[in-house]
Amino acid sequence: MLPSQPFEILLTHDRWATQSLLQACAPLSTEQFHQVFEIGPGSLHNTTTHIMGAMRGWTDTLLGTPDARHRLEKDGKQRTVPDLMALLDEVAGEFERVARAHPLDGVVTAVRAGVSYEFTRGTIITHVLTHGTHHRAQCLNMLRRLGVSPLPFSSVLEWIRTTHPKA
């Protein structure tokens, strides 16, 4: 059965698209994976780490434990693609569970640069998912510059056609 609920489509697509991106990075050399570009967080490594760091940080906000864990992109670790694939399973799985656990209209408080903000859970979830899309587009640009072809699938329509061949 084809999925029809936007919330579920976006949650499921987000993890799939990041996995697809990381799979395209697997054949790259360490130098290519860490090559700095003048876009976003700078490299494929840094950008994919940032996607997951932001997801984990916002998960902590949804849980009511902001800043409970260090930001992944600030710990200085150099992760491999397999490391990031495992981390994605952990971080995305937790985000998905937390996103589904409470009503979307519930309000949570986030503190950024010492300022408190109130957001609905739906706002935070939407931000996390569109944030990932934004940075994956930057990664596609980096992969293109590295000569990777074909580029990995990333759109919702590519996801549905890949995961539901009769679509």
Foldseek 3Di string as FASTA:
>chain_A
DFDDDPVVLLLVLLLVQLLLLLVLCQVPDLCLQQQADPDDLGGVQLLLLQLLLLLQQLLCQLVVNHPVDDRRSPPPDRDHSVRSNVSSCVSSVSSVCSLPPDDQQCWTWDADPNDIDIDGNVVSSVCSSVSSVVSVVVSQVSCVVVVRPPRGDRDSVVVSCVVPVVD
